[in-house]
């Protein structure tokens, strides 16, 4: 079963998320559900699916954020929509930290 293995807040504008096992693009639904289960106030606005990447735009504490998944590199990160520092990211990082 997939779990969050690490969460890193980088420069107050980016959260890097690592999972306990390698994952494929078809696992993104499960991974995003795992993350959003810890963010009960989040509201998904849009899902965009590409060839090797997917992202979900969501609203959290009146801020717009983007959760990215890149399957080739097994990368997952959350950033603000406008690339500015965010108070919400620190809160999200704490909620996601295993």
N, C-alpha and C. Protein backbone atom coordinates (compact mmCIF):
# COMPACT_ATOMS: atom_id res chain seq x y z
N UNK A 1 0.83 -1.18 0.00
CA UNK A 1 0.00 0.00 0.00
C UNK A 1 0.88 1.25 0.00
N UNK A 2 0.55 2.18 -0.85
CA UNK A 2 1.31 3.41 -1.01
C UNK A 2 1.16 4.33 0.20
N UNK A 3 2.26 4.93 0.63
CA UNK A 3 2.25 5.88 1.74
C UNK A 3 3.15 7.05 1.38
N UNK A 4 2.97 8.16 2.08
CA UNK A 4 3.84 9.30 1.92
C UNK A 4 5.11 9.00 2.71
N UNK A 5 6.28 9.10 2.06
CA UNK A 5 7.53 8.83 2.78
C UNK A 5 8.23 10.11 3.22
N UNK A 6 8.09 11.20 2.45
CA UNK A 6 8.69 12.47 2.89
C UNK A 6 7.97 13.65 2.26
N UNK A 7 8.01 14.76 2.99
CA UNK A 7 7.42 16.02 2.54
C UNK A 7 8.43 17.11 2.87
N UNK A 8 8.79 17.90 1.86
CA UNK A 8 9.78 18.96 2.04
C UNK A 8 9.21 20.28 1.54
N UNK A 9 9.22 21.28 2.40
CA UNK A 9 8.82 22.63 2.02
C UNK A 9 10.07 23.37 1.55
N UNK A 10 10.09 23.77 0.28
CA UNK A 10 11.26 24.43 -0.29
C UNK A 10 10.96 25.89 -0.59
N UNK A 11 11.69 26.77 0.04
CA UNK A 11 11.60 28.21 -0.23
C UNK A 11 10.20 28.80 -0.07
N UNK A 12 9.39 28.23 0.76
CA UNK A 12 8.04 28.75 1.07
C UNK A 12 7.11 28.81 -0.14
N UNK A 13 7.52 28.25 -1.30
CA UNK A 13 6.63 28.30 -2.45
C UNK A 13 6.50 26.97 -3.19
N UNK A 14 7.00 25.89 -2.56
CA UNK A 14 6.97 24.59 -3.22
C UNK A 14 7.05 23.48 -2.18
N UNK A 15 6.18 22.48 -2.31
CA UNK A 15 6.23 21.29 -1.45
C UNK A 15 6.61 20.10 -2.32
N UNK A 16 7.68 19.42 -1.97
CA UNK A 16 8.10 18.21 -2.67
C UNK A 16 7.61 17.00 -1.87
N UNK A 17 6.97 16.06 -2.56
CA UNK A 17 6.37 14.90 -1.90
C UNK A 17 6.95 13.63 -2.50
N UNK A 18 7.39 12.72 -1.64
CA UNK A 18 7.89 11.41 -2.08
C UNK A 18 6.99 10.34 -1.48
N UNK A 19 6.81 9.27 -2.24
CA UNK A 19 5.98 8.16 -1.80
C UNK A 19 6.85 6.94 -1.51
N UNK A 20 6.30 6.00 -0.77
CA UNK A 20 7.05 4.84 -0.29
C UNK A 20 7.42 3.85 -1.40
N UNK A 21 6.69 3.89 -2.51
CA UNK A 21 6.95 2.95 -3.60
C UNK A 21 6.94 3.69 -4.93
N UNK A 22 7.61 3.12 -5.92
CA UNK A 22 7.53 3.67 -7.27
C UNK A 22 6.08 3.59 -7.74
N UNK A 23 5.69 4.51 -8.61
CA UNK A 23 4.32 4.54 -9.08
C UNK A 23 4.27 4.84 -10.58
N UNK A 24 3.15 4.50 -11.17
CA UNK A 24 2.90 4.71 -12.59
C UNK A 24 1.79 5.75 -12.75
N UNK A 25 1.57 6.21 -13.96
CA UNK A 25 0.55 7.22 -14.20
C UNK A 25 -0.84 6.74 -13.78
N UNK A 26 -1.12 5.46 -13.94
CA UNK A 26 -2.44 4.96 -13.54
C UNK A 26 -2.65 4.96 -12.02
N UNK A 27 -1.59 5.20 -11.25
CA UNK A 27 -1.69 5.28 -9.79
C UNK A 27 -2.00 6.69 -9.29
N UNK A 28 -2.00 7.67 -10.15
CA UNK A 28 -2.16 9.07 -9.73
C UNK A 28 -3.49 9.30 -9.02
N UNK A 29 -4.55 8.67 -9.45
CA UNK A 29 -5.84 8.81 -8.77
C UNK A 29 -5.74 8.39 -7.31
N UNK A 30 -5.09 7.26 -7.05
CA UNK A 30 -4.90 6.77 -5.68
C UNK A 30 -4.00 7.70 -4.88
N UNK A 31 -2.93 8.18 -5.51
CA UNK A 31 -2.00 9.07 -4.81
C UNK A 31 -2.64 10.41 -4.45
N UNK A 32 -3.38 10.97 -5.39
CA UNK A 32 -4.03 12.25 -5.11
C UNK A 32 -5.11 12.07 -4.03
N UNK A 33 -5.81 10.95 -4.05
CA UNK A 33 -6.81 10.68 -3.00
C UNK A 33 -6.14 10.58 -1.63
N UNK A 34 -4.95 9.95 -1.57
CA UNK A 34 -4.20 9.85 -0.32
C UNK A 34 -3.84 11.24 0.21
N UNK A 35 -3.40 12.11 -0.68
CA UNK A 35 -3.01 13.46 -0.28
C UNK A 35 -4.23 14.31 0.12
N UNK A 36 -5.27 14.28 -0.70
CA UNK A 36 -6.44 15.11 -0.41
C UNK A 36 -7.21 14.62 0.83
N UNK A 37 -7.05 13.35 1.20
CA UNK A 37 -7.68 12.86 2.42
C UNK A 37 -7.12 13.57 3.65
N UNK A 38 -5.90 14.07 3.55
CA UNK A 38 -5.28 14.79 4.66
C UNK A 38 -5.56 16.29 4.61
N UNK A 39 -6.16 16.74 3.51
CA UNK A 39 -6.45 18.16 3.31
C UNK A 39 -7.96 18.35 3.19
N UNK A 40 -8.64 18.13 4.29
CA UNK A 40 -10.10 18.10 4.27
C UNK A 40 -10.76 19.40 3.80
N UNK A 41 -10.07 20.53 3.86
CA UNK A 41 -10.64 21.80 3.42
C UNK A 41 -10.41 22.06 1.93
N UNK A 42 -9.62 21.24 1.27
CA UNK A 42 -9.27 21.47 -0.13
C UNK A 42 -10.46 21.15 -1.04
N UNK A 43 -10.55 21.93 -2.10
CA UNK A 43 -11.61 21.72 -3.10
C UNK A 43 -10.96 21.68 -4.48
N UNK A 44 -11.06 20.54 -5.15
CA UNK A 44 -10.47 20.38 -6.48
C UNK A 44 -11.29 21.18 -7.48
N UNK A 45 -10.59 21.97 -8.29
CA UNK A 45 -11.24 22.82 -9.28
C UNK A 45 -11.10 22.23 -10.68
N UNK A 46 -9.94 21.66 -10.97
CA UNK A 46 -9.68 21.19 -12.33
C UNK A 46 -8.65 20.07 -12.30
N UNK A 47 -8.84 19.08 -13.19
CA UNK A 47 -7.86 18.02 -13.38
C UNK A 47 -7.43 18.05 -14.84
N UNK A 48 -6.11 18.04 -15.06
CA UNK A 48 -5.59 18.05 -16.42
C UNK A 48 -4.65 16.86 -16.57
N UNK A 49 -4.90 16.05 -17.59
CA UNK A 49 -4.14 14.83 -17.82
C UNK A 49 -3.36 14.95 -19.11
N UNK A 50 -2.04 14.70 -19.03
CA UNK A 50 -1.19 14.72 -20.21
C UNK A 50 -0.58 13.35 -20.45
N UNK A 51 0.38 13.29 -21.37
CA UNK A 51 0.99 12.02 -21.72
C UNK A 51 1.75 11.39 -20.55
N UNK A 52 2.51 12.18 -19.83
CA UNK A 52 3.28 11.65 -18.70
C UNK A 52 3.12 12.50 -17.44
N UNK A 53 2.25 13.50 -17.51
CA UNK A 53 2.05 14.40 -16.37
C UNK A 53 0.56 14.63 -16.15
N UNK A 54 0.23 14.86 -14.90
CA UNK A 54 -1.13 15.26 -14.55
C UNK A 54 -1.02 16.33 -13.49
N UNK A 55 -1.98 17.23 -13.49
CA UNK A 55 -2.02 18.18 -12.39
C UNK A 55 -3.45 18.45 -11.99
N UNK A 56 -3.59 18.84 -10.72
CA UNK A 56 -4.89 19.17 -10.16
C UNK A 56 -4.81 20.57 -9.57
N UNK A 57 -5.64 21.46 -10.08
CA UNK A 57 -5.76 22.79 -9.48
C UNK A 57 -6.76 22.68 -8.35
N UNK A 58 -6.42 23.28 -7.21
CA UNK A 58 -7.34 23.21 -6.08
C UNK A 58 -7.29 24.48 -5.26
N UNK A 59 -8.31 24.65 -4.46
CA UNK A 59 -8.43 25.80 -3.58
C UNK A 59 -8.25 25.31 -2.15
N UNK A 60 -7.42 26.03 -1.38
CA UNK A 60 -7.20 25.68 0.02
C UNK A 60 -6.97 26.97 0.79
N UNK A 61 -7.76 27.21 1.79
CA UNK A 61 -7.66 28.41 2.61
C UNK A 61 -7.60 29.67 1.75
N UNK A 62 -8.49 29.76 0.80
CA UNK A 62 -8.65 30.91 -0.09
C UNK A 62 -7.45 31.17 -0.99
N UNK A 63 -6.64 30.16 -1.21
CA UNK A 63 -5.53 30.26 -2.15
C UNK A 63 -5.70 29.20 -3.23
N UNK A 64 -5.19 29.50 -4.42
CA UNK A 64 -5.24 28.56 -5.52
C UNK A 64 -3.87 27.92 -5.67
N UNK A 65 -3.86 26.59 -5.66
CA UNK A 65 -2.62 25.81 -5.71
C UNK A 65 -2.72 24.76 -6.80
N UNK A 66 -1.56 24.19 -7.14
CA UNK A 66 -1.51 23.15 -8.15
C UNK A 66 -0.71 21.97 -7.62
N UNK A 67 -1.29 20.77 -7.71
CA UNK A 67 -0.62 19.54 -7.33
C UNK A 67 -0.19 18.84 -8.63
N UNK A 68 1.11 18.67 -8.80
CA UNK A 68 1.67 18.09 -10.02
C UNK A 68 2.11 16.65 -9.77
N UNK A 69 1.93 15.81 -10.79
CA UNK A 69 2.45 14.44 -10.80
C UNK A 69 3.15 14.23 -12.13
N UNK A 70 4.39 13.77 -12.10
CA UNK A 70 5.13 13.45 -13.31
C UNK A 70 5.57 12.00 -13.20
N UNK A 71 4.98 11.15 -14.02
CA UNK A 71 5.18 9.71 -13.84
C UNK A 71 6.57 9.23 -14.25
N UNK A 72 7.20 9.80 -15.26
CA UNK A 72 8.52 9.32 -15.68
C UNK A 72 9.55 9.46 -14.58
N UNK A 73 9.48 10.53 -13.82
CA UNK A 73 10.46 10.76 -12.76
C UNK A 73 9.93 10.45 -11.37
N UNK A 74 8.66 9.99 -11.29
CA UNK A 74 8.01 9.72 -10.01
C UNK A 74 8.04 10.97 -9.12
N UNK A 75 7.84 12.12 -9.74
CA UNK A 75 7.88 13.39 -9.01
C UNK A 75 6.47 13.87 -8.69
N UNK A 76 6.33 14.41 -7.49
CA UNK A 76 5.07 15.01 -7.07
C UNK A 76 5.41 16.28 -6.30
N UNK A 77 4.71 17.36 -6.63
CA UNK A 77 4.94 18.61 -5.91
C UNK A 77 3.68 19.46 -5.94
N UNK A 78 3.61 20.36 -4.97
CA UNK A 78 2.51 21.32 -4.87
C UNK A 78 3.13 22.71 -4.89
N UNK A 79 2.54 23.59 -5.68
CA UNK A 79 3.01 24.97 -5.74
C UNK A 79 1.82 25.91 -5.83
N UNK A 80 2.07 27.17 -5.55
CA UNK A 80 1.02 28.16 -5.70
C UNK A 80 0.80 28.43 -7.18
N UNK A 81 -0.40 28.82 -7.51
CA UNK A 81 -0.73 29.10 -8.90
C UNK A 81 0.05 30.30 -9.43
N UNK A 82 0.31 31.28 -8.57
CA UNK A 82 0.97 32.50 -9.02
C UNK A 82 2.47 32.53 -8.70
N UNK A 83 3.03 31.46 -8.20
CA UNK A 83 4.45 31.31 -7.89
C UNK A 83 4.95 32.21 -6.76
N UNK A 84 4.04 32.78 -5.97
CA UNK A 84 4.43 33.62 -4.84
C UNK A 84 4.45 32.80 -3.56
N UNK A 85 5.15 33.29 -2.56
CA UNK A 85 5.19 32.60 -1.27
C UNK A 85 3.78 32.50 -0.71
N UNK A 86 3.52 31.45 0.03
CA UNK A 86 2.18 31.16 0.52
C UNK A 86 2.21 30.66 1.96
N UNK A 87 1.33 31.18 2.77
CA UNK A 87 1.19 30.67 4.14
C UNK A 87 0.53 29.30 4.14
N UNK A 88 -0.33 29.06 3.17
CA UNK A 88 -1.03 27.77 3.09
C UNK A 88 -0.08 26.61 2.86
N UNK A 89 1.00 26.83 2.12
CA UNK A 89 1.92 25.73 1.83
C UNK A 89 2.56 25.18 3.10
N UNK A 90 2.89 26.03 4.05
CA UNK A 90 3.46 25.54 5.31
C UNK A 90 2.44 24.68 6.06
N UNK A 91 1.19 25.10 6.06
CA UNK A 91 0.12 24.33 6.70
C UNK A 91 -0.07 22.99 6.01
N UNK A 92 -0.09 23.01 4.69
CA UNK A 92 -0.26 21.77 3.91
C UNK A 92 0.91 20.83 4.16
N UNK A 93 2.12 21.35 4.16
CA UNK A 93 3.30 20.50 4.41
C UNK A 93 3.20 19.81 5.76
N UNK A 94 2.75 20.53 6.78
CA UNK A 94 2.61 19.93 8.12
C UNK A 94 1.54 18.84 8.11
N UNK A 95 0.43 19.08 7.42
CA UNK A 95 -0.65 18.08 7.39
C UNK A 95 -0.24 16.83 6.63
N UNK A 96 0.61 16.97 5.62
CA UNK A 96 1.01 15.83 4.81
C UNK A 96 2.20 15.06 5.38
N UNK A 97 2.97 15.68 6.25
CA UNK A 97 4.17 15.04 6.79
C UNK A 97 3.82 13.78 7.55
N UNK A 98 4.48 12.66 7.18
CA UNK A 98 4.17 11.39 7.85
C UNK A 98 4.61 11.36 9.30
